[in-house]
PDB file of N, CA and C in Angstrom:
ATOM      1  N   MET A   1      21.390   4.774  -4.654  1.00  0.00           N
ATOM      2  CA  MET A   1      20.475   5.540  -3.827  1.00  0.00           C
ATOM      3  C   MET A   1      20.050   6.797  -4.593  1.00  0.00           C
ATOM      4  N   THR A   2      18.771   7.078  -4.576  1.00  0.00           N
ATOM      5  CA  THR A   2      18.226   8.245  -5.244  1.00  0.00           C
ATOM      6  C   THR A   2      18.367   9.467  -4.342  1.00  0.00           C
ATOM      7  N   SER A   3      18.761  10.584  -4.924  1.00  0.00           N
ATOM      8  CA  SER A   3      18.878  11.829  -4.175  1.00  0.00           C
ATOM      9  C   SER A   3      17.536  12.549  -4.194  1.00  0.00           C
ATOM     10  N   HIS A   4      17.088  12.975  -3.035  1.00  0.00           N
ATOM     11  CA  HIS A   4      15.813  13.692  -2.918  1.00  0.00           C
ATOM     12  C   HIS A   4      16.062  15.101  -2.404  1.00  0.00           C
ATOM     13  N   THR A   5      15.213  16.012  -2.802  1.00  0.00           N
ATOM     14  CA  THR A   5      15.286  17.386  -2.318  1.00  0.00           C
ATOM     15  C   THR A   5      14.666  17.458  -0.927  1.00  0.00           C
ATOM     16  N   PRO A   6      15.392  18.016   0.027  1.00  0.00           N
ATOM     17  CA  PRO A   6      14.840  18.139   1.383  1.00  0.00           C
ATOM     18  C   PRO A   6      13.605  19.042   1.411  1.00  0.00           C
ATOM     19  N   LEU A   7      12.731  18.793   2.366  1.00  0.00           N
ATOM     20  CA  LEU A   7      11.570  19.661   2.553  1.00  0.00           C
ATOM     21  C   LEU A   7      11.991  21.012   3.116  1.00  0.00           C
ATOM     22  N   ILE A   8      12.959  20.999   4.030  1.00  0.00           N
ATOM     23  CA  ILE A   8      13.380  22.221   4.701  1.00  0.00           C
ATOM     24  C   ILE A   8      14.561  22.842   3.955  1.00  0.00           C
ATOM     25  N   THR A   9      14.371  24.067   3.549  1.00  0.00           N
ATOM     26  CA  THR A   9      15.381  24.813   2.807  1.00  0.00           C
ATOM     27  C   THR A   9      16.537  25.211   3.714  1.00  0.00           C
ATOM     28  N   GLU A  10      17.735  25.192   3.165  1.00  0.00           N
ATOM     29  CA  GLU A  10      18.894  25.685   3.904  1.00  0.00           C
ATOM     30  C   GLU A  10      18.959  27.192   3.756  1.00  0.00           C
ATOM     31  N   TYR A  11      19.024  27.887   4.877  1.00  0.00           N
ATOM     32  CA  TYR A  11      19.131  29.341   4.867  1.00  0.00           C
ATOM     33  C   TYR A  11      20.551  29.739   5.237  1.00  0.00           C
ATOM     34  N   GLN A  12      21.053  30.780   4.607  1.00  0.00           N
ATOM     35  CA  GLN A  12      22.422  31.220   4.848  1.00  0.00           C
ATOM     36  C   GLN A  12      22.567  31.982   6.157  1.00  0.00           C
ATOM     37  N   HIS A  13      21.531  32.682   6.563  1.00  0.00           N
ATOM     38  CA  HIS A  13      21.621  33.518   7.759  1.00  0.00           C
ATOM     39  C   HIS A  13      20.548  33.093   8.751  1.00  0.00           C
ATOM     40  N   VAL A  14      20.987  32.416   9.790  1.00  0.00           N
ATOM     41  CA  VAL A  14      20.074  32.029  10.862  1.00  0.00           C
ATOM     42  C   VAL A  14      20.713  32.406  12.193  1.00  0.00           C
ATOM     43  N   ASP A  15      19.889  32.601  13.174  1.00  0.00           N
ATOM     44  CA  ASP A  15      20.357  32.879  14.527  1.00  0.00           C
ATOM     45  C   ASP A  15      19.770  31.800  15.426  1.00  0.00           C
ATOM     46  N   THR A  16      20.554  30.767  15.690  1.00  0.00           N
ATOM     47  CA  THR A  16      20.034  29.628  16.445  1.00  0.00           C
ATOM     48  C   THR A  16      19.792  29.959  17.914  1.00  0.00           C
ATOM     49  N   ARG A  17      20.027  31.202  18.314  1.00  0.00           N
ATOM     50  CA  ARG A  17      19.668  31.623  19.672  1.00  0.00           C
ATOM     51  C   ARG A  17      18.195  32.011  19.742  1.00  0.00           C
ATOM     52  N   THR A  18      17.522  32.106  18.588  1.00  0.00           N
ATOM     53  CA  THR A  18      16.082  32.382  18.581  1.00  0.00           C
ATOM     54  C   THR A  18      15.331  31.057  18.464  1.00  0.00           C
ATOM     55  N   LEU A  19      14.162  31.017  19.043  1.00  0.00           N
ATOM     56  CA  LEU A  19      13.367  29.790  19.033  1.00  0.00           C
ATOM     57  C   LEU A  19      13.078  29.322  17.619  1.00  0.00           C
ATOM     58  N   GLN A  20      12.642  30.233  16.760  1.00  0.00           N
ATOM     59  CA  GLN A  20      12.258  29.864  15.401  1.00  0.00           C
ATOM     60  C   GLN A  20      13.430  29.254  14.628  1.00  0.00           C
ATOM     61  N   ASP A  21      14.561  29.922  14.655  1.00  0.00           N
ATOM     62  CA  ASP A  21      15.716  29.439  13.889  1.00  0.00           C
ATOM     63  C   ASP A  21      16.313  28.179  14.493  1.00  0.00           C
ATOM     64  N   ASN A  22      16.290  28.081  15.814  1.00  0.00           N
ATOM     65  CA  ASN A  22      16.817  26.878  16.442  1.00  0.00           C
ATOM     66  C   ASN A  22      15.982  25.675  16.045  1.00  0.00           C
ATOM     67  N   TRP A  23      14.670  25.828  16.125  1.00  0.00           N
ATOM     68  CA  TRP A  23      13.776  24.725  15.769  1.00  0.00           C
ATOM     69  C   TRP A  23      13.951  24.343  14.302  1.00  0.00           C
ATOM     70  N   LEU A  24      14.061  25.331  13.455  1.00  0.00           N
ATOM     71  CA  LEU A  24      14.254  25.090  12.031  1.00  0.00           C
ATOM     72  C   LEU A  24      15.549  24.313  11.775  1.00  0.00           C
ATOM     73  N   GLU A  25      16.636  24.736  12.386  1.00  0.00           N
ATOM     74  CA  GLU A  25      17.926  24.099  12.147  1.00  0.00           C
ATOM     75  C   GLU A  25      17.992  22.685  12.723  1.00  0.00           C
ATOM     76  N   VAL A  26      17.381  22.470  13.879  1.00  0.00           N
ATOM     77  CA  VAL A  26      17.356  21.115  14.450  1.00  0.00           C
ATOM     78  C   VAL A  26      16.534  20.203  13.543  1.00  0.00           C
ATOM     79  N   ALA A  27      15.373  20.667  13.096  1.00  0.00           N
ATOM     80  CA  ALA A  27      14.535  19.866  12.192  1.00  0.00           C
ATOM     81  C   ALA A  27      15.262  19.585  10.878  1.00  0.00           C
ATOM     82  N   ARG A  28      15.972  20.566  10.380  1.00  0.00           N
ATOM     83  CA  ARG A  28      16.714  20.401   9.130  1.00  0.00           C
ATOM     84  C   ARG A  28      17.832  19.367   9.292  1.00  0.00           C
ATOM     85  N   THR A  29      18.517  19.397  10.407  1.00  0.00           N
ATOM     86  CA  THR A  29      19.576  18.422  10.669  1.00  0.00           C
ATOM     87  C   THR A  29      19.006  17.006  10.753  1.00  0.00           C
ATOM     88  N   ILE A  30      17.862  16.873  11.402  1.00  0.00           N
ATOM     89  CA  ILE A  30      17.200  15.572  11.477  1.00  0.00           C
ATOM     90  C   ILE A  30      16.829  15.102  10.074  1.00  0.00           C
ATOM     91  N   GLU A  31      16.304  16.018   9.263  1.00  0.00           N
ATOM     92  CA  GLU A  31      15.930  15.643   7.902  1.00  0.00           C
ATOM     93  C   GLU A  31      17.143  15.173   7.099  1.00  0.00           C
ATOM     94  N   LEU A  32      18.254  15.863   7.207  1.00  0.00           N
ATOM     95  CA  LEU A  32      19.450  15.457   6.462  1.00  0.00           C
ATOM     96  C   LEU A  32      19.894  14.055   6.865  1.00  0.00           C
ATOM     97  N   SER A  33      19.788  13.743   8.137  1.00  0.00           N
ATOM     98  CA  SER A  33      20.122  12.402   8.602  1.00  0.00           C
ATOM     99  C   SER A  33      19.168  11.363   8.011  1.00  0.00           C
ATOM    100  N   MET A  34      17.892  11.693   7.976  1.00  0.00           N
ATOM    101  CA  MET A  34      16.899  10.781   7.410  1.00  0.00           C
ATOM    102  C   MET A  34      17.139  10.560   5.916  1.00  0.00           C
ATOM    103  N   LEU A  35      17.485  11.631   5.213  1.00  0.00           N
ATOM    104  CA  LEU A  35      17.777  11.509   3.784  1.00  0.00           C
ATOM    105  C   LEU A  35      18.986  10.606   3.550  1.00  0.00           C
ATOM    106  N   GLN A  36      20.000  10.747   4.383  1.00  0.00           N
ATOM    107  CA  GLN A  36      21.182   9.895   4.249  1.00  0.00           C
ATOM    108  C   GLN A  36      20.840   8.428   4.477  1.00  0.00           C
ATOM    109  N   ALA A  37      19.820   8.185   5.282  1.00  0.00           N
ATOM    110  CA  ALA A  37      19.395   6.817   5.567  1.00  0.00           C
ATOM    111  C   ALA A  37      18.444   6.276   4.500  1.00  0.00           C
ATOM    112  N   GLY A  38      18.080   7.131   3.522  1.00  0.00           N
ATOM    113  CA  GLY A  38      17.243   6.674   2.417  1.00  0.00           C
ATOM    114  C   GLY A  38      15.778   7.035   2.499  1.00  0.00           C
ATOM    115  N   ALA A  39      15.403   7.862   3.474  1.00  0.00           N
ATOM    116  CA  ALA A  39      14.000   8.272   3.594  1.00  0.00           C
ATOM    117  C   ALA A  39      13.601   9.159   2.415  1.00  0.00           C
ATOM    118  N   VAL A  40      12.327   9.099   2.067  1.00  0.00           N
ATOM    119  CA  VAL A  40      11.788   9.882   0.959  1.00  0.00           C
ATOM    120  C   VAL A  40      10.886  10.981   1.527  1.00  0.00           C
ATOM    121  N   PRO A  41      11.232  12.258   1.264  1.00  0.00           N
ATOM    122  CA  PRO A  41      10.414  13.365   1.761  1.00  0.00           C
ATOM    123  C   PRO A  41       8.973  13.283   1.250  1.00  0.00           C
ATOM    124  N   GLY A  42       8.042  13.554   2.142  1.00  0.00           N
ATOM    125  CA  GLY A  42       6.634  13.539   1.750  1.00  0.00           C
ATOM    126  C   GLY A  42       6.019  12.158   1.732  1.00  0.00           C
ATOM    127  N   THR A  43       6.857  11.127   1.728  1.00  0.00           N
ATOM    128  CA  THR A  43       6.372   9.743   1.769  1.00  0.00           C
ATOM    129  C   THR A  43       6.679   9.127   3.128  1.00  0.00           C
ATOM    130  N   ASP A  44       7.943   9.186   3.499  1.00  0.00           N
ATOM    131  CA  ASP A  44       8.371   8.599   4.769  1.00  0.00           C
ATOM    132  C   ASP A  44       8.234   9.561   5.941  1.00  0.00           C
ATOM    133  N   TYR A  45       8.183  10.845   5.667  1.00  0.00           N
ATOM    134  CA  TYR A  45       8.053  11.841   6.734  1.00  0.00           C
ATOM    135  C   TYR A  45       7.490  13.135   6.151  1.00  0.00           C
ATOM    136  N   SER A  46       6.982  13.976   7.067  1.00  0.00           N
ATOM    137  CA  SER A  46       6.408  15.274   6.689  1.00  0.00           C
ATOM    138  C   SER A  46       7.104  16.380   7.493  1.00  0.00           C
ATOM    139  N   TYR A  47       6.741  17.614   7.203  1.00  0.00           N
ATOM    140  CA  TYR A  47       7.246  18.737   7.993  1.00  0.00           C
ATOM    141  C   TYR A  47       6.919  18.534   9.469  1.00  0.00           C
ATOM    142  N   LEU A  48       5.683  18.148   9.739  1.00  0.00           N
ATOM    143  CA  LEU A  48       5.243  17.983  11.121  1.00  0.00           C
ATOM    144  C   LEU A  48       6.066  16.905  11.824  1.00  0.00           C
ATOM    145  N   ASP A  49       6.370  15.821  11.136  1.00  0.00           N
ATOM    146  CA  ASP A  49       7.213  14.778  11.718  1.00  0.00           C
ATOM    147  C   ASP A  49       8.565  15.349  12.132  1.00  0.00           C
ATOM    148  N   LEU A  50       9.164  16.143  11.270  1.00  0.00           N
ATOM    149  CA  LEU A  50      10.483  16.710  11.549  1.00  0.00           C
ATOM    150  C   LEU A  50      10.431  17.631  12.763  1.00  0.00           C
ATOM    151  N   TYR A  51       9.404  18.448  12.846  1.00  0.00           N
ATOM    152  CA  TYR A  51       9.290  19.373  13.974  1.00  0.00           C
ATOM    153  C   TYR A  51       8.986  18.635  15.275  1.00  0.00           C
ATOM    154  N   LYS A  52       8.203  17.569  15.203  1.00  0.00           N
ATOM    155  CA  LYS A  52       7.945  16.760  16.404  1.00  0.00           C
ATOM    156  C   LYS A  52       9.217  16.073  16.877  1.00  0.00           C
ATOM    157  N   LEU A  53      10.022  15.572  15.953  1.00  0.00           N
ATOM    158  CA  LEU A  53      11.284  14.941  16.315  1.00  0.00           C
ATOM    159  C   LEU A  53      12.266  15.955  16.899  1.00  0.00           C
ATOM    160  N   ALA A  54      12.201  17.185  16.446  1.00  0.00           N
ATOM    161  CA  ALA A  54      13.103  18.231  16.926  1.00  0.00           C
ATOM    162  C   ALA A  54      12.691  18.774  18.289  1.00  0.00           C
ATOM    163  N   GLN A  55      11.437  18.637  18.647  1.00  0.00           N
ATOM    164  CA  GLN A  55      10.923  19.273  19.860  1.00  0.00           C
ATOM    165  C   GLN A  55      11.714  18.955  21.127  1.00  0.00           C
ATOM    166  N   PRO A  56      12.038  17.700  21.439  1.00  0.00           N
ATOM    167  CA  PRO A  56      12.784  17.442  22.681  1.00  0.00           C
ATOM    168  C   PRO A  56      14.160  18.109  22.706  1.00  0.00           C
ATOM    169  N   ILE A  57      14.797  18.197  21.569  1.00  0.00           N
ATOM    170  CA  ILE A  57      16.107  18.831  21.496  1.00  0.00           C
ATOM    171  C   ILE A  57      15.973  20.329  21.724  1.00  0.00           C
ATOM    172  N   VAL A  58      14.972  20.944  21.107  1.00  0.00           N
ATOM    173  CA  VAL A  58      14.748  22.383  21.269  1.00  0.00           C
ATOM    174  C   VAL A  58      14.385  22.699  22.716  1.00  0.00           C
ATOM    175  N   LEU A  59      13.546  21.872  23.328  1.00  0.00           N
ATOM    176  CA  LEU A  59      13.197  22.093  24.735  1.00  0.00           C
ATOM    177  C   LEU A  59      14.438  22.014  25.625  1.00  0.00           C
ATOM    178  N   GLN A  60      15.326  21.088  25.333  1.00  0.00           N
ATOM    179  CA  GLN A  60      16.569  20.991  26.102  1.00  0.00           C
ATOM    180  C   GLN A  60      17.438  22.224  25.869  1.00  0.00           C
ATOM    181  N   ASN A  61      17.447  22.719  24.644  1.00  0.00           N
ATOM    182  CA  ASN A  61      18.197  23.941  24.347  1.00  0.00           C
ATOM    183  C   ASN A  61      17.655  25.121  25.139  1.00  0.00           C
ATOM    184  N   ILE A  62      16.328  25.185  25.312  1.00  0.00           N
ATOM    185  CA  ILE A  62      15.709  26.243  26.110  1.00  0.00           C
ATOM    186  C   ILE A  62      16.148  26.090  27.570  1.00  0.00           C
ATOM    187  N   LYS A  63      16.072  24.868  28.094  1.00  0.00           N
ATOM    188  CA  LYS A  63      16.469  24.618  29.491  1.00  0.00           C
ATOM    189  C   LYS A  63      17.935  24.969  29.724  1.00  0.00           C
ATOM    190  N   ASN A  64      18.769  24.714  28.724  1.00  0.00           N
ATOM    191  CA  ASN A  64      20.199  25.014  28.837  1.00  0.00           C
ATOM    192  C   ASN A  64      20.511  26.497  28.706  1.00  0.00           C
ATOM    193  N   GLY A  65      19.507  27.292  28.309  1.00  0.00           N
ATOM    194  CA  GLY A  65      19.712  28.728  28.138  1.00  0.00           C
ATOM    195  C   GLY A  65      20.337  29.075  26.800  1.00  0.00           C
ATOM    196  N   ASP A  66      20.290  28.146  25.844  1.00  0.00           N
ATOM    197  CA  ASP A  66      20.887  28.381  24.532  1.00  0.00           C
ATOM    198  C   ASP A  66      19.980  29.174  23.602  1.00  0.00           C
ATOM    199  N   ILE A  67      18.739  29.399  24.021  1.00  0.00           N
ATOM    200  CA  ILE A  67      17.762  30.110  23.198  1.00  0.00           C
ATOM    201  C   ILE A  67      17.249  31.323  23.956  1.00  0.00           C
ATOM    202  N   ASN A  68      17.204  32.464  23.283  1.00  0.00           N
ATOM    203  CA  ASN A  68      16.647  33.680  23.868  1.00  0.00           C
ATOM    204  C   ASN A  68      15.147  33.703  23.613  1.00  0.00           C
ATOM    205  N   LEU A  69      14.373  33.657  24.674  1.00  0.00           N
ATOM    206  CA  LEU A  69      12.902  33.709  24.521  1.00  0.00           C
ATOM    207  C   LEU A  69      12.401  35.112  24.730  1.00  0.00           C
TER     208      LEU A  69
END
């Protein structure tokens, strides 16, 4: 299996209680799972794909009160 560089950079300091960081981290986690399954960044998925896949999880996090709006 070929190793690919993820589209979403890993940041050392994030606050997942904020909308921006929560969405970023959920999208990044989805991307890591896709990479493990053999997906190729930029070919099999895009940034927009990752954020669309993350949206239902982030919305649930908002409903649960896990994000400060």
